[in-house]
Amino acid sequence: MNKAQLIEHIAEHAELTKQQAARALDALLQGVTTTLARGGEVTLVGFGTFGVEERAARKGRNPRTGEEVEIPAAKIPKFRPGKMLKDSVNG
């Protein structure tokens, strides 16, 4: 499902226009993004938790030259599914 299909699904099930559904989805995504950028987490009970994890600096290899390179530390967005979502997927 892509973003346009998700907007259509939201519009149908929430009895909204597609424009209202698009604004609602954009607001949700912006809220999650802003919270993660500040280092927070977003928990949707039953669905899952969006958070940020630190990845330590490490050494890697350039695949073309075989030369060792330093890969810097980074913050990585993560998603941990909730029980209800896991149960729905697993039938």
C-alpha atoms as a PDB file:
ATOM      1  CA  MET A   1       0.000   0.000   0.000  1.00  0.00           C
ATOM      2  CA  ASN A   2       1.407   3.391  -0.939  1.00  0.00           C
ATOM      3  CA  LYS A   3       0.585   6.803   0.553  1.00  0.00           C
ATOM      4  CA  ALA A   4      -2.244   7.555  -1.921  1.00  0.00           C
ATOM      5  CA  GLN A   5      -3.880   4.193  -1.201  1.00  0.00           C
ATOM      6  CA  LEU A   6      -3.533   4.782   2.539  1.00  0.00           C
ATOM      7  CA  ILE A   7      -5.171   8.204   2.204  1.00  0.00           C
ATOM      8  CA  GLU A   8      -8.046   6.621   0.280  1.00  0.00           C
ATOM      9  CA  HIS A   9      -8.409   3.919   2.964  1.00  0.00           C
ATOM     10  CA  ILE A  10      -8.475   6.530   5.756  1.00  0.00           C
ATOM     11  CA  ALA A  11     -11.006   8.652   3.856  1.00  0.00           C
ATOM     12  CA  GLU A  12     -13.360   5.692   3.385  1.00  0.00           C
ATOM     13  CA  HIS A  13     -13.163   4.300   6.908  1.00  0.00           C
ATOM     14  CA  ALA A  14     -13.196   7.632   8.778  1.00  0.00           C
ATOM     15  CA  GLU A  15     -15.811   9.203   6.479  1.00  0.00           C
ATOM     16  CA  LEU A  16     -13.485  12.047   5.514  1.00  0.00           C
ATOM     17  CA  THR A  17     -12.700  13.657   2.204  1.00  0.00           C
ATOM     18  CA  LYS A  18      -9.407  12.643   0.625  1.00  0.00           C
ATOM     19  CA  GLN A  19      -8.048  16.132   1.355  1.00  0.00           C
ATOM     20  CA  GLN A  20      -8.952  15.818   5.049  1.00  0.00           C
ATOM     21  CA  ALA A  21      -7.462  12.332   5.206  1.00  0.00           C
ATOM     22  CA  ALA A  22      -4.260  13.560   3.528  1.00  0.00           C
ATOM     23  CA  ARG A  23      -3.944  16.415   6.048  1.00  0.00           C
ATOM     24  CA  ALA A  24      -4.541  13.990   8.935  1.00  0.00           C
ATOM     25  CA  LEU A  25      -1.911  11.555   7.661  1.00  0.00           C
ATOM     26  CA  ASP A  26       0.586  14.371   7.036  1.00  0.00           C
ATOM     27  CA  ALA A  27      -0.011  15.688  10.583  1.00  0.00           C
ATOM     28  CA  LEU A  28       0.599  12.208  12.020  1.00  0.00           C
ATOM     29  CA  LEU A  29       3.810  11.746  10.048  1.00  0.00           C
ATOM     30  CA  GLN A  30       5.034  15.231  10.963  1.00  0.00           C
ATOM     31  CA  GLY A  31       4.304  14.596  14.648  1.00  0.00           C
ATOM     32  CA  VAL A  32       6.190  11.304  14.636  1.00  0.00           C
ATOM     33  CA  THR A  33       9.116  12.817  12.714  1.00  0.00           C
ATOM     34  CA  THR A  34       9.374  15.870  14.999  1.00  0.00           C
ATOM     35  CA  THR A  35       9.230  13.741  18.142  1.00  0.00           C
ATOM     36  CA  LEU A  36      11.914  11.349  16.884  1.00  0.00           C
ATOM     37  CA  ALA A  37      14.142  14.257  15.802  1.00  0.00           C
ATOM     38  CA  ARG A  38      14.010  15.515  19.410  1.00  0.00           C
ATOM     39  CA  GLY A  39      15.043  12.088  20.678  1.00  0.00           C
ATOM     40  CA  GLY A  40      11.586  11.110  21.964  1.00  0.00           C
ATOM     41  CA  GLU A  41       9.422   8.122  21.185  1.00  0.00           C
ATOM     42  CA  VAL A  42       5.837   7.705  20.003  1.00  0.00           C
ATOM     43  CA  THR A  43       3.771   4.843  21.417  1.00  0.00           C
ATOM     44  CA  LEU A  44       0.492   3.780  19.821  1.00  0.00           C
ATOM     45  CA  VAL A  45      -0.843   1.197  22.267  1.00  0.00           C
ATOM     46  CA  GLY A  46      -1.433  -2.122  20.529  1.00  0.00           C
ATOM     47  CA  PHE A  47       0.163  -0.939  17.280  1.00  0.00           C
ATOM     48  CA  GLY A  48       3.747  -0.255  18.267  1.00  0.00           C
ATOM     49  CA  THR A  49       6.415   2.194  19.308  1.00  0.00           C
ATOM     50  CA  PHE A  50       8.542   4.460  17.133  1.00  0.00           C
ATOM     51  CA  GLY A  51      11.867   5.379  18.703  1.00  0.00           C
ATOM     52  CA  VAL A  52      15.459   6.331  18.027  1.00  0.00           C
ATOM     53  CA  GLU A  53      18.481   4.152  18.743  1.00  0.00           C
ATOM     54  CA  GLU A  54      22.130   5.127  18.749  1.00  0.00           C
ATOM     55  CA  ARG A  55      24.418   3.166  16.463  1.00  0.00           C
ATOM     56  CA  ALA A  56      28.056   3.257  17.546  1.00  0.00           C
ATOM     57  CA  ALA A  57      30.877   4.230  15.230  1.00  0.00           C
ATOM     58  CA  ARG A  58      32.500   1.243  13.611  1.00  0.00           C
ATOM     59  CA  LYS A  59      35.012   0.220  10.996  1.00  0.00           C
ATOM     60  CA  GLY A  60      33.928  -0.992   7.573  1.00  0.00           C
ATOM     61  CA  ARG A  61      35.506  -1.742   4.222  1.00  0.00           C
ATOM     62  CA  ASN A  62      35.161   0.035   0.912  1.00  0.00           C
ATOM     63  CA  PRO A  63      33.869  -2.745  -1.371  1.00  0.00           C
ATOM     64  CA  ARG A  64      35.726  -1.373  -4.419  1.00  0.00           C
ATOM     65  CA  THR A  65      39.157  -0.976  -2.894  1.00  0.00           C
ATOM     66  CA  GLY A  66      39.033  -3.143   0.229  1.00  0.00           C
ATOM     67  CA  GLU A  67      40.324  -0.119   2.133  1.00  0.00           C
ATOM     68  CA  GLU A  68      39.224   0.136   5.787  1.00  0.00           C
ATOM     69  CA  VAL A  69      36.989   3.159   6.462  1.00  0.00           C
ATOM     70  CA  GLU A  70      35.523   4.654   9.613  1.00  0.00           C
ATOM     71  CA  ILE A  71      31.712   4.643   9.695  1.00  0.00           C
ATOM     72  CA  PRO A  72      30.508   7.419  12.026  1.00  0.00           C
ATOM     73  CA  ALA A  73      28.007   6.975  14.853  1.00  0.00           C
ATOM     74  CA  ALA A  74      24.398   7.653  13.865  1.00  0.00           C
ATOM     75  CA  LYS A  75      20.888   7.879  15.264  1.00  0.00           C
ATOM     76  CA  ILE A  76      18.583   5.356  13.592  1.00  0.00           C
ATOM     77  CA  PRO A  77      14.759   5.402  13.671  1.00  0.00           C
ATOM     78  CA  LYS A  78      13.310   2.095  14.880  1.00  0.00           C
ATOM     79  CA  PHE A  79       9.841   0.573  15.110  1.00  0.00           C
ATOM     80  CA  ARG A  80       8.858  -2.084  17.637  1.00  0.00           C
ATOM     81  CA  PRO A  81       5.472  -3.676  16.830  1.00  0.00           C
ATOM     82  CA  GLY A  82       2.907  -4.001  19.618  1.00  0.00           C
ATOM     83  CA  LYS A  83       1.175  -7.206  20.648  1.00  0.00           C
ATOM     84  CA  MET A  84      -2.085  -6.485  18.791  1.00  0.00           C
ATOM     85  CA  LEU A  85      -0.231  -5.833  15.525  1.00  0.00           C
ATOM     86  CA  LYS A  86       1.895  -8.980  15.945  1.00  0.00           C
ATOM     87  CA  ASP A  87      -1.212 -11.052  16.665  1.00  0.00           C
ATOM     88  CA  SER A  88      -3.025  -9.637  13.607  1.00  0.00           C
ATOM     89  CA  VAL A  89      -0.123 -10.424  11.303  1.00  0.00           C
ATOM     90  CA  ASN A  90       0.341 -13.933  12.701  1.00  0.00           C
ATOM     91  CA  GLY A  91      -3.346 -14.775  12.390  1.00  0.00           C
END
